[in-house]
Amino acid sequence: MIATICASLAAALKAKGVPFDVVYGPPPIPASVGATRIYVARDYEANEQMQPPRGRFANARMYAVRGVPAVVHIFAKATMDGARRADHERLADQIADEVQVELHKIIRAIPTIYAFTRAGLVADDTTDGWAGVVYEVRFTADRGVRDVSWVGGKAGEMTMTATTAQTALDTTSSPAPTTDLPTATTRIDP
């Protein structure tokens, strides 16, 4: 769900002319140190909130609503010569505004209920020598827990037929001491 939201966010920001990469998952080491970038991922530090279903009408197949937490990290670095902290913060605020607007549009179109749980500047804990600011947006998006038939992939299966397995050990190596192991070949006859 969060990966789908991330893909939609990347497309929406690109369509608006926002020139920064949007990537799903924990922050990898950036290809270009110092580049402004946006990461979206599930929030592993927050707990999912389980609630009974809500609504005017009962849905017999829905048993719960799960609030899936996510986090957006915006690494902002103004590129002007002599940029100061206020310049980095201004860029972070501008990107955060665009992200919040597009997240609102994307999540409402799913449709589901969402809530922003935290937003603001945080301490930069990157170790790549990058000097800018980090703006963090944390939110949850509700996901219905329904009683449905499984539609995912099947469990792995292995079918064996009657076969004979033989292992032959080659002991014809030189009698002198060696650190090499003797060779073995395995044949499976159908």
Protein backbone atom coordinates (compact mmCIF):
# COMPACT_ATOMS: atom_id res chain seq x y z
CA MET A 1 0.00 0.00 0.00
CA ILE A 2 2.74 2.48 0.96
CA ALA A 3 4.84 1.50 -2.09
CA THR A 4 1.83 2.28 -4.31
CA ILE A 5 1.38 5.64 -2.58
CA CYS A 6 5.10 6.35 -3.13
CA ALA A 7 4.87 5.57 -6.86
CA SER A 8 1.84 7.83 -7.20
CA LEU A 9 3.60 10.58 -5.23
CA ALA A 10 6.68 10.36 -7.47
CA ALA A 11 4.52 10.65 -10.60
CA ALA A 12 2.45 13.54 -9.19
CA LEU A 13 5.49 15.55 -8.07
CA LYS A 14 7.21 14.96 -11.42
CA ALA A 15 4.08 16.16 -13.23
CA LYS A 16 4.16 19.36 -11.12
CA GLY A 17 7.79 19.95 -12.06
CA VAL A 18 9.35 19.08 -8.69
CA PRO A 19 12.89 18.13 -9.78
CA PHE A 20 13.79 15.75 -6.94
CA ASP A 21 13.87 11.95 -6.84
CA VAL A 22 11.21 10.13 -4.82
CA VAL A 23 12.35 6.65 -3.74
CA TYR A 24 10.57 3.90 -1.78
CA GLY A 25 12.33 2.21 1.07
CA PRO A 26 14.90 3.02 3.69
CA PRO A 27 17.40 5.63 2.53
CA PRO A 28 20.12 4.04 0.43
CA ILE A 29 23.48 5.74 0.20
CA PRO A 30 22.74 8.54 -2.26
CA ALA A 31 24.23 8.33 -5.73
CA SER A 32 25.23 11.97 -5.53
CA VAL A 33 26.19 13.13 -2.07
CA GLY A 34 24.43 16.33 -1.21
CA ALA A 35 21.49 15.92 -3.58
CA THR A 36 18.04 16.90 -2.37
CA ARG A 37 15.97 13.72 -2.23
CA ILE A 38 12.69 12.31 -0.88
CA TYR A 39 12.28 8.86 0.68
CA VAL A 40 8.96 7.18 1.48
CA ALA A 41 8.78 4.00 3.57
CA ARG A 42 6.67 2.13 6.07
CA ASP A 43 7.37 3.45 9.53
CA TYR A 44 9.03 0.60 11.43
CA GLU A 45 9.25 2.70 14.59
CA ALA A 46 5.46 3.17 14.89
CA ASN A 47 2.92 0.50 15.73
CA GLU A 48 0.00 -0.31 13.48
CA GLN A 49 -3.29 0.66 15.10
CA MET A 50 -6.02 -2.00 14.96
CA GLN A 51 -9.60 -0.79 15.27
CA PRO A 52 -13.04 -2.20 14.64
CA PRO A 53 -14.54 -1.22 11.29
CA ARG A 54 -16.38 2.06 11.20
CA GLY A 55 -19.08 3.37 8.96
CA ARG A 56 -22.81 3.79 8.68
CA PHE A 57 -23.37 0.34 7.21
CA ALA A 58 -21.91 -2.96 8.42
CA ASN A 59 -19.65 -4.82 6.01
CA ALA A 60 -19.96 -8.52 6.80
CA ARG A 61 -16.54 -9.27 5.32
CA MET A 62 -14.60 -6.51 7.12
CA TYR A 63 -13.34 -7.45 10.56
CA ALA A 64 -10.99 -4.60 11.40
CA VAL A 65 -9.23 -1.50 10.14
CA ARG A 66 -5.47 -1.37 10.36
CA GLY A 67 -3.71 2.00 10.45
CA VAL A 68 -0.52 1.43 8.43
CA PRO A 69 2.18 3.91 9.49
CA ALA A 70 4.49 5.51 6.95
CA VAL A 71 7.20 8.14 6.94
CA VAL A 72 8.45 10.58 4.32
CA HIS A 73 11.97 11.95 4.74
CA ILE A 74 12.81 15.05 2.75
CA PHE A 75 16.54 15.77 2.58
CA ALA A 76 16.74 19.40 1.45
CA LYS A 77 19.87 21.29 0.50
CA ALA A 78 19.67 24.66 -1.21
CA THR A 79 22.11 24.81 -4.12
CA MET A 80 22.85 28.55 -4.10
CA ASP A 81 26.36 29.69 -3.23
CA GLY A 82 26.71 30.50 0.45
CA ALA A 83 23.38 28.88 1.35
CA ARG A 84 22.55 29.20 5.02
CA ARG A 85 20.40 27.04 7.24
CA ALA A 86 17.36 29.24 6.61
CA ASP A 87 17.75 28.61 2.85
CA HIS A 88 17.76 24.83 3.38
CA GLU A 89 14.73 25.12 5.68
CA ARG A 90 12.85 27.21 3.11
CA LEU A 91 13.47 24.54 0.45
CA ALA A 92 12.37 21.79 2.86
CA ASP A 93 9.16 23.69 3.66
CA GLN A 94 8.41 24.20 -0.04
CA ILE A 95 8.91 20.48 -0.81
CA ALA A 96 6.90 19.47 2.29
CA ASP A 97 3.97 21.60 1.11
CA GLU A 98 3.96 19.84 -2.27
CA VAL A 99 4.29 16.41 -0.64
CA GLN A 100 1.42 17.07 1.79
CA VAL A 101 -0.91 18.30 -0.95
CA GLU A 102 -0.17 15.33 -3.22
CA LEU A 103 -0.42 12.80 -0.37
CA HIS A 104 -3.85 14.22 0.45
CA LYS A 105 -5.01 13.83 -3.16
CA ILE A 106 -3.52 10.33 -3.57
CA ILE A 107 -4.79 8.84 -0.32
CA ARG A 108 -8.27 10.36 -0.70
CA ALA A 109 -8.49 8.80 -4.18
CA ILE A 110 -7.86 5.28 -2.82
CA PRO A 111 -10.33 6.01 -0.88
CA THR A 112 -9.29 5.59 2.70
CA ILE A 113 -8.90 7.58 5.87
CA TYR A 114 -5.50 8.97 6.75
CA ALA A 115 -3.98 11.11 9.45
CA PHE A 116 -0.74 13.04 9.67
CA THR A 117 0.84 12.08 12.99
CA ARG A 118 3.96 14.24 12.91
CA ALA A 119 5.64 16.72 10.61
CA GLY A 120 8.65 18.96 11.01
CA LEU A 121 12.39 19.29 10.92
CA VAL A 122 14.40 16.53 12.60
CA ALA A 123 18.05 16.02 13.45
CA ASP A 124 20.11 14.89 10.47
CA ASP A 125 21.63 11.51 11.24
CA THR A 126 23.19 10.90 7.83
CA THR A 127 26.87 10.15 7.74
CA ASP A 128 27.65 11.14 4.17
CA GLY A 129 29.00 14.59 4.99
CA TRP A 130 25.80 16.22 3.74
CA ALA A 131 24.94 19.66 5.09
CA GLY A 132 21.27 20.51 4.74
CA VAL A 133 18.09 19.84 6.69
CA VAL A 134 15.80 16.85 7.05
CA TYR A 135 12.04 17.33 7.14
CA GLU A 136 9.97 14.38 8.25
CA VAL A 137 6.29 13.68 7.60
CA ARG A 138 4.73 10.75 9.46
CA PHE A 139 1.22 9.56 8.62
CA THR A 140 -1.07 6.56 8.82
CA ALA A 141 -3.39 5.26 6.14
CA ASP A 142 -6.24 2.91 7.03
CA ARG A 143 -6.36 -0.51 5.43
CA GLY A 144 -9.41 -2.75 5.75
CA VAL A 145 -8.93 -6.25 7.12
CA ARG A 146 -11.41 -8.42 5.23
CA ASP A 147 -12.38 -12.08 5.15
CA VAL A 148 -11.53 -12.96 1.55
CA SER A 149 -10.06 -15.88 -0.37
CA TRP A 150 -6.30 -15.89 -0.79
CA VAL A 151 -5.23 -14.35 -4.11
CA GLY A 152 -1.46 -14.23 -3.58
CA GLY A 153 1.19 -16.63 -4.78
CA LYS A 154 1.14 -20.30 -3.89
CA ALA A 155 3.49 -21.86 -1.42
CA GLY A 156 6.47 -23.57 -2.98
CA GLU A 157 5.89 -27.22 -3.86
CA MET A 158 8.25 -30.01 -4.82
CA THR A 159 7.18 -33.16 -6.60
CA MET A 160 9.48 -36.18 -6.53
CA THR A 161 9.24 -39.09 -8.90
CA ALA A 162 10.83 -42.47 -8.36
CA THR A 163 14.53 -41.95 -9.01
CA THR A 164 17.75 -43.56 -7.97
CA ALA A 165 20.53 -41.37 -6.62
CA GLN A 166 24.11 -42.62 -6.67
CA THR A 167 27.25 -40.97 -5.39
CA ALA A 168 30.64 -42.13 -6.63
CA LEU A 169 33.80 -41.18 -4.75
CA ASP A 170 37.06 -40.90 -6.70
CA THR A 171 39.86 -42.19 -4.46
CA THR A 172 42.49 -42.53 -7.16
CA SER A 173 44.29 -39.36 -6.20
CA SER A 174 48.01 -39.52 -5.46
CA PRO A 175 48.95 -41.16 -2.17
CA ALA A 176 50.98 -38.10 -1.16
CA PRO A 177 49.37 -35.89 1.52
CA THR A 178 47.33 -33.08 0.00
CA THR A 179 44.94 -30.40 1.15
CA ASP A 180 42.59 -31.02 -1.78
CA LEU A 181 39.45 -32.98 -1.14
CA PRO A 182 38.73 -35.98 -3.34
CA THR A 183 36.25 -35.29 -6.10
CA ALA A 184 32.77 -36.76 -6.12
CA THR A 185 30.11 -36.86 -8.78
CA THR A 186 26.42 -37.39 -8.20
CA ARG A 187 24.17 -38.92 -10.82
CA ILE A 188 20.40 -39.07 -10.59
CA ASP A 189 18.92 -41.78 -12.79
CA PRO A 190 15.23 -41.48 -13.66
